[in-house]
């Protein structure tokens, strides 16, 4: 099994972002959802534009309009749009037709919805997170055993309270389509401020 990819989400502090860049994660996620405690708000535009091309910039949106997504996507030269809300299939299709790479999130408890299969022709990745009323950041796992019964035609990322102590179990599942992990609340000191030493150790485990 190849190395798992690392996506670090919920970044908003410029110095913290600079430190994270040195660790070379595969993806850095920026949350453009005003109700999130990790909302990027007025993050330095030039900083995002200077992130090396080998690190993919992901804009996280929750039930946002397509024009607003396009505006932010172009402003920050993002690589992916992560649809983290209850967006319908048409929204994802329209964005894909505009040439945008999609990460579609499904928030799970004990089953994977049939709708996930319909996104396989549209999204670059699926992302499975824990079901919460707040669209993520719960620090809690869902029942990972359901992943073994689901074989999508595209790769997926695993999220939901992942920390260093979980990596061995995640790798032991040996699911070919599971290509990476998305970390957030369990790897930070305060909302939006990541513990870079902790992330460095986590990356070494992947």
N, C-alpha and C. Protein backbone atom coordinates (compact mmCIF):
# COMPACT_ATOMS: atom_id res chain seq x y z
N UNK A 1 0.85 -1.20 0.00
CA UNK A 1 0.00 0.00 0.00
C UNK A 1 0.88 1.25 0.00
N UNK A 2 0.58 2.19 -0.89
CA UNK A 2 1.37 3.41 -0.98
C UNK A 2 1.06 4.33 0.20
N UNK A 3 1.91 5.33 0.36
CA UNK A 3 1.73 6.28 1.44
C UNK A 3 0.38 6.97 1.34
N UNK A 4 -0.26 7.13 2.47
CA UNK A 4 -1.52 7.87 2.50
C UNK A 4 -1.27 9.35 2.28
N UNK A 5 -2.15 10.00 1.56
CA UNK A 5 -2.06 11.44 1.38
C UNK A 5 -2.52 12.14 2.66
N UNK A 6 -2.02 13.36 2.85
CA UNK A 6 -2.39 14.15 4.02
C UNK A 6 -3.06 15.44 3.60
N UNK A 7 -4.27 15.64 4.09
CA UNK A 7 -5.00 16.89 3.91
C UNK A 7 -5.18 17.53 5.28
N UNK A 8 -4.71 18.75 5.42
CA UNK A 8 -4.86 19.50 6.67
C UNK A 8 -5.87 20.61 6.41
N UNK A 9 -6.96 20.58 7.14
CA UNK A 9 -8.07 21.49 6.86
C UNK A 9 -8.26 22.50 8.00
N UNK A 10 -8.90 23.60 7.66
CA UNK A 10 -9.24 24.59 8.67
C UNK A 10 -8.12 25.57 8.98
N UNK A 11 -7.27 25.85 8.00
CA UNK A 11 -6.17 26.80 8.20
C UNK A 11 -6.66 28.24 7.99
N UNK A 12 -6.15 29.15 8.84
CA UNK A 12 -6.53 30.56 8.64
C UNK A 12 -5.47 31.54 9.15
N UNK A 13 -4.51 31.06 9.95
CA UNK A 13 -3.46 31.92 10.50
C UNK A 13 -2.26 31.90 9.55
N UNK A 14 -1.84 33.08 9.10
CA UNK A 14 -0.80 33.16 8.06
C UNK A 14 0.51 32.50 8.48
N UNK A 15 0.98 32.76 9.69
CA UNK A 15 2.24 32.16 10.14
C UNK A 15 2.10 30.65 10.28
N UNK A 16 0.95 30.21 10.72
CA UNK A 16 0.66 28.78 10.84
C UNK A 16 0.67 28.12 9.47
N UNK A 17 0.10 28.80 8.48
CA UNK A 17 0.10 28.29 7.11
C UNK A 17 1.53 28.16 6.59
N UNK A 18 2.35 29.19 6.84
CA UNK A 18 3.75 29.15 6.39
C UNK A 18 4.49 27.96 7.00
N UNK A 19 4.22 27.71 8.27
CA UNK A 19 4.86 26.57 8.92
C UNK A 19 4.38 25.25 8.35
N UNK A 20 3.09 25.17 8.04
CA UNK A 20 2.54 23.95 7.48
C UNK A 20 3.10 23.67 6.09
N UNK A 21 3.30 24.71 5.30
CA UNK A 21 3.86 24.54 3.96
C UNK A 21 5.19 23.81 4.02
N UNK A 22 5.98 24.09 5.03
CA UNK A 22 7.29 23.43 5.17
C UNK A 22 7.16 21.93 5.41
N UNK A 23 6.01 21.50 5.92
CA UNK A 23 5.79 20.07 6.15
C UNK A 23 5.28 19.35 4.91
N UNK A 24 4.95 20.10 3.89
CA UNK A 24 4.55 19.55 2.59
C UNK A 24 3.37 18.58 2.65
N UNK A 25 2.24 19.00 3.20
CA UNK A 25 1.05 18.14 3.08
C UNK A 25 0.62 18.08 1.63
N UNK A 26 -0.23 17.13 1.31
CA UNK A 26 -0.70 17.02 -0.07
C UNK A 26 -1.79 18.04 -0.39
N UNK A 27 -2.60 18.35 0.61
CA UNK A 27 -3.68 19.33 0.46
C UNK A 27 -3.73 20.23 1.70
N UNK A 28 -4.06 21.50 1.48
CA UNK A 28 -4.36 22.42 2.58
C UNK A 28 -5.78 22.95 2.34
N UNK A 29 -6.63 22.80 3.36
CA UNK A 29 -8.02 23.22 3.23
C UNK A 29 -8.29 24.54 3.92
N UNK A 30 -9.01 25.41 3.22
CA UNK A 30 -9.41 26.72 3.75
C UNK A 30 -10.93 26.78 3.74
N UNK A 31 -11.51 27.06 4.89
CA UNK A 31 -12.96 27.00 5.04
C UNK A 31 -13.60 28.36 4.76
N UNK A 32 -14.40 28.41 3.72
CA UNK A 32 -15.11 29.64 3.33
C UNK A 32 -16.58 29.51 3.73
N UNK A 33 -16.78 29.25 4.99
CA UNK A 33 -18.13 29.08 5.54
C UNK A 33 -18.20 29.91 6.81
N UNK A 34 -19.00 30.97 6.77
CA UNK A 34 -18.99 31.97 7.83
C UNK A 34 -19.33 31.46 9.21
N UNK A 35 -20.08 30.37 9.33
CA UNK A 35 -20.47 29.87 10.64
C UNK A 35 -19.44 28.94 11.27
N UNK A 36 -18.38 28.66 10.54
CA UNK A 36 -17.34 27.78 11.08
C UNK A 36 -16.39 28.57 11.98
N UNK A 37 -15.95 27.98 13.11
CA UNK A 37 -14.94 28.65 13.94
C UNK A 37 -13.58 28.73 13.24
N UNK A 38 -13.47 28.06 12.10
CA UNK A 38 -12.21 28.08 11.34
C UNK A 38 -12.38 28.84 10.01
N UNK A 39 -13.38 29.68 9.96
CA UNK A 39 -13.63 30.50 8.77
C UNK A 39 -12.40 31.35 8.46
N UNK A 40 -11.97 31.33 7.20
CA UNK A 40 -10.73 32.03 6.84
C UNK A 40 -10.86 33.54 6.92
N UNK A 41 -12.05 34.07 6.71
CA UNK A 41 -12.30 35.51 6.78
C UNK A 41 -11.37 36.27 5.85
N UNK A 42 -10.40 37.01 6.39
CA UNK A 42 -9.56 37.88 5.54
C UNK A 42 -8.13 37.36 5.44
N UNK A 43 -7.96 36.06 5.24
CA UNK A 43 -6.62 35.50 5.12
C UNK A 43 -5.87 36.18 3.97
N UNK A 44 -4.56 36.29 4.12
CA UNK A 44 -3.71 36.99 3.16
C UNK A 44 -3.79 36.34 1.78
N UNK A 45 -4.29 37.08 0.81
CA UNK A 45 -4.48 36.55 -0.53
C UNK A 45 -3.15 36.15 -1.16
N UNK A 46 -2.11 36.96 -0.98
CA UNK A 46 -0.81 36.67 -1.56
C UNK A 46 -0.21 35.39 -1.01
N UNK A 47 -0.48 35.12 0.26
CA UNK A 47 0.04 33.90 0.87
C UNK A 47 -0.51 32.67 0.15
N UNK A 48 -1.80 32.66 -0.11
CA UNK A 48 -2.40 31.53 -0.80
C UNK A 48 -1.85 31.39 -2.21
N UNK A 49 -1.61 32.52 -2.86
CA UNK A 49 -1.11 32.47 -4.23
C UNK A 49 0.33 31.99 -4.28
N UNK A 50 1.05 32.06 -3.16
CA UNK A 50 2.45 31.65 -3.11
C UNK A 50 2.64 30.20 -2.66
N UNK A 51 1.56 29.51 -2.33
CA UNK A 51 1.69 28.11 -1.91
C UNK A 51 2.21 27.29 -3.09
N UNK A 52 3.25 26.48 -2.88
CA UNK A 52 3.83 25.70 -3.99
C UNK A 52 2.78 24.84 -4.69
N UNK A 53 2.97 24.65 -6.00
CA UNK A 53 1.98 23.93 -6.80
C UNK A 53 1.84 22.46 -6.37
N UNK A 54 2.86 21.91 -5.73
CA UNK A 54 2.78 20.52 -5.27
C UNK A 54 1.83 20.32 -4.11
N UNK A 55 1.43 21.41 -3.48
CA UNK A 55 0.45 21.36 -2.39
C UNK A 55 -0.87 21.90 -2.95
N UNK A 56 -1.89 21.09 -2.95
CA UNK A 56 -3.16 21.48 -3.55
C UNK A 56 -4.01 22.29 -2.57
N UNK A 57 -4.50 23.42 -3.05
CA UNK A 57 -5.33 24.31 -2.22
C UNK A 57 -6.80 23.95 -2.39
N UNK A 58 -7.46 23.70 -1.27
CA UNK A 58 -8.86 23.28 -1.30
C UNK A 58 -9.72 24.34 -0.62
N UNK A 59 -10.72 24.81 -1.31
CA UNK A 59 -11.70 25.71 -0.71
C UNK A 59 -12.90 24.91 -0.24
N UNK A 60 -13.23 25.04 1.03
CA UNK A 60 -14.33 24.28 1.63
C UNK A 60 -15.58 25.16 1.69
N UNK A 61 -16.67 24.69 1.10
CA UNK A 61 -17.91 25.47 1.03
C UNK A 61 -19.08 24.65 1.58
N UNK A 62 -20.02 25.36 2.18
CA UNK A 62 -21.22 24.73 2.72
C UNK A 62 -22.44 25.44 2.15
N UNK A 63 -23.13 24.79 1.24
CA UNK A 63 -24.38 25.32 0.66
C UNK A 63 -24.22 26.73 0.11
N UNK A 64 -23.10 26.96 -0.55
CA UNK A 64 -22.80 28.28 -1.12
C UNK A 64 -23.29 28.34 -2.57
N UNK A 65 -23.55 29.55 -3.05
CA UNK A 65 -24.00 29.72 -4.43
C UNK A 65 -22.83 29.49 -5.39
N UNK A 66 -23.15 29.06 -6.59
CA UNK A 66 -22.11 28.81 -7.57
C UNK A 66 -21.34 30.08 -7.93
N UNK A 67 -22.00 31.22 -8.13
CA UNK A 67 -21.22 32.45 -8.42
C UNK A 67 -20.22 32.80 -7.31
N UNK A 68 -20.62 32.63 -6.06
CA UNK A 68 -19.71 32.94 -4.95
C UNK A 68 -18.55 31.95 -4.92
N UNK A 69 -18.84 30.68 -5.14
CA UNK A 69 -17.77 29.68 -5.19
C UNK A 69 -16.78 30.03 -6.30
N UNK A 70 -17.29 30.40 -7.47
CA UNK A 70 -16.42 30.75 -8.59
C UNK A 70 -15.57 31.98 -8.28
N UNK A 71 -16.17 32.95 -7.63
CA UNK A 71 -15.44 34.17 -7.27
C UNK A 71 -14.25 33.84 -6.37
N UNK A 72 -14.49 33.05 -5.34
CA UNK A 72 -13.43 32.69 -4.39
C UNK A 72 -12.42 31.76 -5.04
N UNK A 73 -12.90 30.82 -5.85
CA UNK A 73 -12.01 29.88 -6.53
C UNK A 73 -10.99 30.63 -7.38
N UNK A 74 -11.46 31.61 -8.12
CA UNK A 74 -10.58 32.37 -9.00
C UNK A 74 -9.68 33.34 -8.22
N UNK A 75 -10.22 33.96 -7.19
CA UNK A 75 -9.44 34.92 -6.41
C UNK A 75 -8.22 34.29 -5.79
N UNK A 76 -8.38 33.09 -5.25
CA UNK A 76 -7.28 32.44 -4.54
C UNK A 76 -6.60 31.35 -5.36
N UNK A 77 -6.96 31.24 -6.63
CA UNK A 77 -6.37 30.23 -7.51
C UNK A 77 -6.39 28.85 -6.87
N UNK A 78 -7.57 28.44 -6.43
CA UNK A 78 -7.72 27.16 -5.75
C UNK A 78 -7.56 26.00 -6.74
N UNK A 79 -7.25 24.84 -6.21
CA UNK A 79 -7.12 23.63 -7.03
C UNK A 79 -8.36 22.74 -6.94
N UNK A 80 -9.04 22.79 -5.80
CA UNK A 80 -10.23 21.96 -5.58
C UNK A 80 -11.30 22.77 -4.86
N UNK A 81 -12.53 22.42 -5.13
CA UNK A 81 -13.67 22.89 -4.34
C UNK A 81 -14.21 21.69 -3.57
N UNK A 82 -14.30 21.84 -2.25
CA UNK A 82 -14.86 20.80 -1.40
C UNK A 82 -16.29 21.19 -1.05
N UNK A 83 -17.23 20.39 -1.50
CA UNK A 83 -18.65 20.62 -1.20
C UNK A 83 -18.97 19.86 0.08
N UNK A 84 -19.13 20.60 1.16
CA UNK A 84 -19.24 19.99 2.49
C UNK A 84 -20.66 20.07 3.06
N UNK A 85 -21.58 20.61 2.28
CA UNK A 85 -22.93 20.78 2.80
C UNK A 85 -23.92 19.82 2.17
N UNK A 86 -25.10 20.35 1.87
CA UNK A 86 -26.17 19.54 1.29
C UNK A 86 -26.40 19.92 -0.17
N UNK A 87 -25.33 20.29 -0.84
CA UNK A 87 -25.43 20.67 -2.25
C UNK A 87 -25.99 19.51 -3.08
N UNK A 88 -26.79 19.85 -4.09
CA UNK A 88 -27.34 18.78 -4.92
C UNK A 88 -26.37 18.42 -6.04
N UNK A 89 -26.70 17.36 -6.74
CA UNK A 89 -25.84 16.85 -7.80
C UNK A 89 -25.66 17.88 -8.91
N UNK A 90 -26.68 18.66 -9.17
CA UNK A 90 -26.60 19.66 -10.23
C UNK A 90 -25.52 20.70 -9.94
N UNK A 91 -25.39 21.09 -8.69
CA UNK A 91 -24.36 22.06 -8.29
C UNK A 91 -22.98 21.51 -8.63
N UNK A 92 -22.73 20.27 -8.26
CA UNK A 92 -21.43 19.64 -8.54
C UNK A 92 -21.20 19.52 -10.04
N UNK A 93 -22.25 19.18 -10.78
CA UNK A 93 -22.13 19.03 -12.23
C UNK A 93 -21.78 20.36 -12.89
N UNK A 94 -22.43 21.42 -12.45
CA UNK A 94 -22.17 22.74 -13.03
C UNK A 94 -20.74 23.18 -12.77
N UNK A 95 -20.26 22.95 -11.56
CA UNK A 95 -18.88 23.31 -11.24
C UNK A 95 -17.90 22.49 -12.06
N UNK A 96 -18.19 21.21 -12.21
CA UNK A 96 -17.29 20.33 -12.97
C UNK A 96 -17.24 20.76 -14.43
N UNK A 97 -18.38 21.19 -14.96
CA UNK A 97 -18.41 21.65 -16.35
C UNK A 97 -17.58 22.92 -16.54
N UNK A 98 -17.36 23.65 -15.45
CA UNK A 98 -16.52 24.85 -15.49
C UNK A 98 -15.04 24.50 -15.31
N UNK A 99 -14.74 23.20 -15.25
CA UNK A 99 -13.36 22.76 -15.13
C UNK A 99 -12.83 22.67 -13.71
N UNK A 100 -13.72 22.71 -12.72
CA UNK A 100 -13.30 22.70 -11.33
C UNK A 100 -13.25 21.27 -10.80
N UNK A 101 -12.17 20.94 -10.12
CA UNK A 101 -12.03 19.64 -9.48
C UNK A 101 -12.82 19.62 -8.17
N UNK A 102 -13.60 18.57 -7.98
CA UNK A 102 -14.54 18.51 -6.86
C UNK A 102 -14.12 17.45 -5.84
N UNK A 103 -14.19 17.81 -4.56
CA UNK A 103 -14.16 16.85 -3.47
C UNK A 103 -15.55 16.90 -2.83
N UNK A 104 -16.27 15.81 -2.89
CA UNK A 104 -17.62 15.79 -2.34
C UNK A 104 -17.62 15.07 -0.99
N UNK A 105 -18.14 15.75 0.02
CA UNK A 105 -18.17 15.21 1.37
C UNK A 105 -19.52 14.56 1.67
N UNK A 106 -19.45 13.41 2.32
CA UNK A 106 -20.64 12.77 2.87
C UNK A 106 -20.42 12.60 4.37
N UNK A 107 -21.37 13.11 5.14
CA UNK A 107 -21.27 13.04 6.59
C UNK A 107 -22.03 11.80 7.05
N UNK A 108 -21.32 10.91 7.71
CA UNK A 108 -21.84 9.57 7.95
C UNK A 108 -22.00 9.25 9.43
N UNK A 109 -22.88 8.28 9.65
CA UNK A 109 -23.04 7.71 10.99
C UNK A 109 -22.80 6.21 10.94
N UNK A 110 -23.70 5.49 10.26
CA UNK A 110 -23.54 4.04 10.21
C UNK A 110 -23.84 3.45 8.83
N UNK A 111 -23.91 4.32 7.81
CA UNK A 111 -24.12 3.83 6.45
C UNK A 111 -23.68 4.90 5.46
N UNK A 112 -23.41 4.45 4.23
CA UNK A 112 -23.02 5.37 3.16
C UNK A 112 -24.21 5.51 2.21
N UNK A 113 -24.67 6.71 1.95
CA UNK A 113 -25.87 6.88 1.12
C UNK A 113 -25.64 6.44 -0.33
N UNK A 114 -26.69 5.96 -0.96
CA UNK A 114 -26.60 5.54 -2.36
C UNK A 114 -26.19 6.70 -3.27
N UNK A 115 -26.51 7.92 -2.84
CA UNK A 115 -26.18 9.11 -3.63
C UNK A 115 -24.68 9.21 -3.90
N UNK A 116 -23.87 8.67 -3.02
CA UNK A 116 -22.42 8.76 -3.20
C UNK A 116 -21.98 8.20 -4.54
N UNK A 117 -22.63 7.12 -4.98
CA UNK A 117 -22.27 6.50 -6.26
C UNK A 117 -22.45 7.47 -7.43
N UNK A 118 -23.45 8.34 -7.31
CA UNK A 118 -23.75 9.26 -8.40
C UNK A 118 -22.67 10.33 -8.58
N UNK A 119 -21.88 10.55 -7.54
CA UNK A 119 -20.83 11.57 -7.62
C UNK A 119 -19.54 11.02 -8.21
N UNK A 120 -19.47 9.72 -8.43
CA UNK A 120 -18.22 9.13 -8.90
C UNK A 120 -17.84 9.59 -10.30
N UNK A 121 -18.83 9.98 -11.10
CA UNK A 121 -18.54 10.47 -12.45
C UNK A 121 -18.23 11.97 -12.46
N UNK A 122 -18.35 12.62 -11.31
CA UNK A 122 -18.19 14.07 -11.23
C UNK A 122 -16.99 14.47 -10.38
N UNK A 123 -16.87 13.85 -9.21
CA UNK A 123 -15.85 14.26 -8.24
C UNK A 123 -14.50 13.61 -8.52
N UNK A 124 -13.45 14.28 -8.09
CA UNK A 124 -12.11 13.69 -8.12
C UNK A 124 -11.89 12.80 -6.91
N UNK A 125 -12.46 13.23 -5.78
CA UNK A 125 -12.40 12.46 -4.54
C UNK A 125 -13.74 12.55 -3.83
N UNK A 126 -14.08 11.50 -3.10
CA UNK A 126 -15.10 11.58 -2.08
C UNK A 126 -14.39 11.77 -0.75
N UNK A 127 -15.09 12.33 0.21
CA UNK A 127 -14.52 12.49 1.55
C UNK A 127 -15.61 12.09 2.55
N UNK A 128 -15.29 11.16 3.41
CA UNK A 128 -16.26 10.68 4.39
C UNK A 128 -15.92 11.24 5.77
N UNK A 129 -16.86 11.98 6.31
CA UNK A 129 -16.69 12.67 7.60
C UNK A 129 -17.79 12.20 8.55
N UNK A 130 -17.69 12.60 9.79
CA UNK A 130 -18.68 12.23 10.80
C UNK A 130 -19.89 13.16 10.73
N UNK A 131 -21.07 12.58 10.84
CA UNK A 131 -22.30 13.37 10.83
C UNK A 131 -22.41 14.21 12.09
N UNK A 132 -22.51 15.53 11.91
CA UNK A 132 -22.72 16.46 13.02
C UNK A 132 -23.64 17.57 12.54
N UNK A 133 -24.27 18.31 13.45
CA UNK A 133 -25.12 19.43 13.02
C UNK A 133 -24.31 20.61 12.52
N UNK A 134 -22.99 20.61 12.77
CA UNK A 134 -22.17 21.78 12.47
C UNK A 134 -21.26 21.59 11.27
N UNK A 135 -21.54 20.62 10.42
CA UNK A 135 -20.76 20.41 9.19
C UNK A 135 -19.27 20.20 9.48
N UNK A 136 -18.96 19.28 10.40
CA UNK A 136 -17.57 18.94 10.64
C UNK A 136 -17.00 19.55 11.91
N UNK A 137 -15.73 19.21 12.17
CA UNK A 137 -15.03 19.75 13.33
C UNK A 137 -15.47 19.14 14.64
N UNK A 138 -16.09 17.94 14.60
CA UNK A 138 -16.61 17.34 15.82
C UNK A 138 -15.53 16.66 16.64
N UNK A 139 -14.44 16.24 15.98
CA UNK A 139 -13.42 15.48 16.67
C UNK A 139 -13.84 14.05 16.97
N UNK A 140 -14.90 13.56 16.31
CA UNK A 140 -15.43 12.23 16.58
C UNK A 140 -15.37 11.35 15.34
N UNK A 141 -15.21 10.04 15.57
CA UNK A 141 -15.23 9.06 14.48
C UNK A 141 -16.66 8.64 14.18
N UNK A 142 -16.87 8.14 12.96
CA UNK A 142 -18.07 7.37 12.67
C UNK A 142 -17.64 5.90 12.63
N UNK A 143 -18.56 5.02 12.28
CA UNK A 143 -18.27 3.59 12.25
C UNK A 143 -17.47 3.25 10.99
N UNK A 144 -16.16 3.14 11.12
CA UNK A 144 -15.30 2.91 9.96
C UNK A 144 -15.55 1.56 9.28
N UNK A 145 -16.16 0.63 9.97
CA UNK A 145 -16.35 -0.70 9.38
C UNK A 145 -17.22 -0.64 8.12
N UNK A 146 -18.05 0.40 8.00
CA UNK A 146 -18.92 0.50 6.81
C UNK A 146 -18.11 0.78 5.55
N UNK A 147 -16.89 1.28 5.71
CA UNK A 147 -16.05 1.58 4.55
C UNK A 147 -15.63 0.31 3.82
N UNK A 148 -15.53 -0.78 4.53
CA UNK A 148 -15.08 -2.04 3.93
C UNK A 148 -16.12 -2.62 2.97
N UNK A 149 -17.35 -2.17 3.09
CA UNK A 149 -18.42 -2.68 2.24
C UNK A 149 -18.66 -1.79 1.01
N UNK A 150 -17.91 -0.70 0.92
CA UNK A 150 -18.15 0.28 -0.14
C UNK A 150 -16.93 0.38 -1.03
N UNK A 151 -17.09 0.09 -2.30
CA UNK A 151 -15.97 0.10 -3.23
C UNK A 151 -16.24 1.10 -4.36
N UNK A 152 -15.96 2.36 -4.13
CA UNK A 152 -16.21 3.36 -5.17
C UNK A 152 -15.20 3.23 -6.31
N UNK A 153 -15.54 3.82 -7.44
CA UNK A 153 -14.66 3.80 -8.61
C UNK A 153 -13.65 4.93 -8.57
N UNK A 154 -13.76 5.81 -7.59
CA UNK A 154 -12.80 6.89 -7.42
C UNK A 154 -12.23 6.83 -6.00
N UNK A 155 -11.08 7.47 -5.75
CA UNK A 155 -10.50 7.41 -4.41
C UNK A 155 -11.28 8.26 -3.41
N UNK A 156 -11.09 7.94 -2.12
CA UNK A 156 -11.71 8.76 -1.09
C UNK A 156 -10.74 9.04 0.05
N UNK A 157 -11.05 10.12 0.77
CA UNK A 157 -10.31 10.55 1.95
C UNK A 157 -11.16 10.29 3.18
N UNK A 158 -10.51 10.01 4.29
CA UNK A 158 -11.21 9.75 5.54
C UNK A 158 -10.99 10.90 6.51
N UNK A 159 -12.08 11.39 7.09
CA UNK A 159 -12.03 12.48 8.05
C UNK A 159 -12.86 12.11 9.27
N UNK A 160 -12.85 13.00 10.26
CA UNK A 160 -13.65 12.79 11.45
C UNK A 160 -12.82 12.45 12.68
N UNK A 161 -12.21 13.45 13.28
CA UNK A 161 -11.49 13.25 14.54
C UNK A 161 -10.24 12.41 14.43
N UNK A 162 -9.61 12.41 13.26
CA UNK A 162 -8.41 11.57 13.07
C UNK A 162 -7.21 12.20 13.76
N UNK A 163 -6.46 11.34 14.46
CA UNK A 163 -5.25 11.76 15.14
C UNK A 163 -4.18 10.68 14.96
N UNK A 164 -3.00 10.94 15.50
CA UNK A 164 -1.85 10.06 15.27
C UNK A 164 -2.14 8.62 15.67
N UNK A 165 -2.84 8.44 16.75
CA UNK A 165 -3.09 7.09 17.26
C UNK A 165 -4.04 6.28 16.37
N UNK A 166 -4.66 6.93 15.40
CA UNK A 166 -5.60 6.23 14.50
C UNK A 166 -4.93 5.68 13.24
N UNK A 167 -3.75 6.14 12.92
CA UNK A 167 -3.17 5.84 11.61
C UNK A 167 -2.92 4.35 11.41
N UNK A 168 -2.43 3.68 12.42
CA UNK A 168 -2.17 2.24 12.28
C UNK A 168 -3.46 1.49 11.93
N UNK A 169 -4.55 1.82 12.62
CA UNK A 169 -5.82 1.15 12.34
C UNK A 169 -6.31 1.47 10.93
N UNK A 170 -6.18 2.72 10.51
CA UNK A 170 -6.62 3.12 9.18
C UNK A 170 -5.86 2.34 8.11
N UNK A 171 -4.56 2.24 8.26
CA UNK A 171 -3.75 1.51 7.29
C UNK A 171 -4.06 0.02 7.30
N UNK A 172 -4.39 -0.50 8.47
CA UNK A 172 -4.65 -1.94 8.59
C UNK A 172 -5.93 -2.35 7.88
N UNK A 173 -6.83 -1.39 7.60
CA UNK A 173 -8.06 -1.73 6.88
C UNK A 173 -7.78 -2.14 5.44
N UNK A 174 -6.66 -1.64 4.89
CA UNK A 174 -6.20 -2.02 3.55
C UNK A 174 -7.31 -1.90 2.50
N UNK A 175 -7.91 -0.72 2.47
CA UNK A 175 -8.95 -0.43 1.48
C UNK A 175 -8.28 0.33 0.33
N UNK A 176 -8.20 -0.25 -0.87
CA UNK A 176 -7.46 0.39 -1.97
C UNK A 176 -7.92 1.81 -2.30
N UNK A 177 -9.23 2.04 -2.20
CA UNK A 177 -9.76 3.36 -2.56
C UNK A 177 -9.51 4.41 -1.48
N UNK A 178 -9.14 3.99 -0.28
CA UNK A 178 -8.83 4.92 0.80
C UNK A 178 -7.40 5.41 0.62
N UNK A 179 -7.26 6.62 0.08
CA UNK A 179 -5.93 7.11 -0.33
C UNK A 179 -5.36 8.19 0.57
N UNK A 180 -6.15 8.65 1.55
CA UNK A 180 -5.61 9.71 2.39
C UNK A 180 -6.50 10.04 3.57
N UNK A 181 -5.95 10.85 4.46
CA UNK A 181 -6.70 11.29 5.64
C UNK A 181 -6.79 12.81 5.66
N UNK A 182 -7.86 13.28 6.24
CA UNK A 182 -8.12 14.71 6.40
C UNK A 182 -8.13 15.00 7.90
N UNK A 183 -7.21 15.84 8.36
CA UNK A 183 -7.14 16.14 9.79
C UNK A 183 -7.49 17.59 10.05
N UNK A 184 -8.04 17.81 11.25
CA UNK A 184 -8.47 19.17 11.59
C UNK A 184 -8.42 19.37 13.10
N UNK A 185 -9.53 19.15 13.78
CA UNK A 185 -9.65 19.55 15.19
C UNK A 185 -8.72 18.82 16.14
N UNK A 186 -8.39 17.56 15.84
CA UNK A 186 -7.53 16.79 16.75
C UNK A 186 -6.06 17.15 16.60
N UNK A 187 -5.76 18.03 15.67
CA UNK A 187 -4.36 18.40 15.43
C UNK A 187 -4.15 19.90 15.63
N UNK A 188 -4.94 20.50 16.49
CA UNK A 188 -4.80 21.94 16.69
C UNK A 188 -4.82 22.32 18.16
N UNK A 189 -4.27 23.50 18.42
CA UNK A 189 -4.22 24.05 19.77
C UNK A 189 -5.44 24.90 20.07
N UNK A 190 -5.91 25.60 19.04
CA UNK A 190 -7.14 26.39 19.08
C UNK A 190 -7.78 26.27 17.71
N UNK A 191 -9.08 26.55 17.58
CA UNK A 191 -9.70 26.46 16.26
C UNK A 191 -8.94 27.26 15.20
N UNK A 192 -8.46 26.56 14.18
CA UNK A 192 -7.74 27.21 13.11
C UNK A 192 -6.24 27.34 13.33
N UNK A 193 -5.75 26.97 14.50
CA UNK A 193 -4.31 27.06 14.80
C UNK A 193 -3.78 25.65 15.04
N UNK A 194 -3.04 25.13 14.05
CA UNK A 194 -2.60 23.75 14.09
C UNK A 194 -1.32 23.57 14.89
N UNK A 195 -1.22 22.39 15.52
CA UNK A 195 -0.01 21.97 16.22
C UNK A 195 0.91 21.33 15.18
N UNK A 196 1.86 22.10 14.68
CA UNK A 196 2.68 21.65 13.55
C UNK A 196 3.57 20.48 13.91
N UNK A 197 4.02 20.41 15.15
CA UNK A 197 4.85 19.28 15.57
C UNK A 197 4.03 17.99 15.55
N UNK A 198 2.79 18.09 15.97
CA UNK A 198 1.89 16.94 15.95
C UNK A 198 1.63 16.48 14.52
N UNK A 199 1.43 17.43 13.63
CA UNK A 199 1.19 17.10 12.22
C UNK A 199 2.44 16.49 11.58
N UNK A 200 3.60 17.00 11.95
CA UNK A 200 4.86 16.43 11.44
C UNK A 200 4.97 14.95 11.82
N UNK A 201 4.64 14.63 13.07
CA UNK A 201 4.70 13.24 13.53
C UNK A 201 3.64 12.39 12.83
N UNK A 202 2.46 12.97 12.61
CA UNK A 202 1.40 12.23 11.93
C UNK A 202 1.82 11.91 10.50
N UNK A 203 2.39 12.86 9.81
CA UNK A 203 2.79 12.63 8.43
C UNK A 203 3.81 11.51 8.33
N UNK A 204 4.69 11.44 9.30
CA UNK A 204 5.72 10.38 9.30
C UNK A 204 5.10 8.99 9.43
N UNK A 205 3.88 8.93 10.00
CA UNK A 205 3.21 7.64 10.18
C UNK A 205 2.47 7.18 8.91
N UNK A 206 2.28 8.09 7.98
CA UNK A 206 1.48 7.77 6.79
C UNK A 206 2.26 6.95 5.77
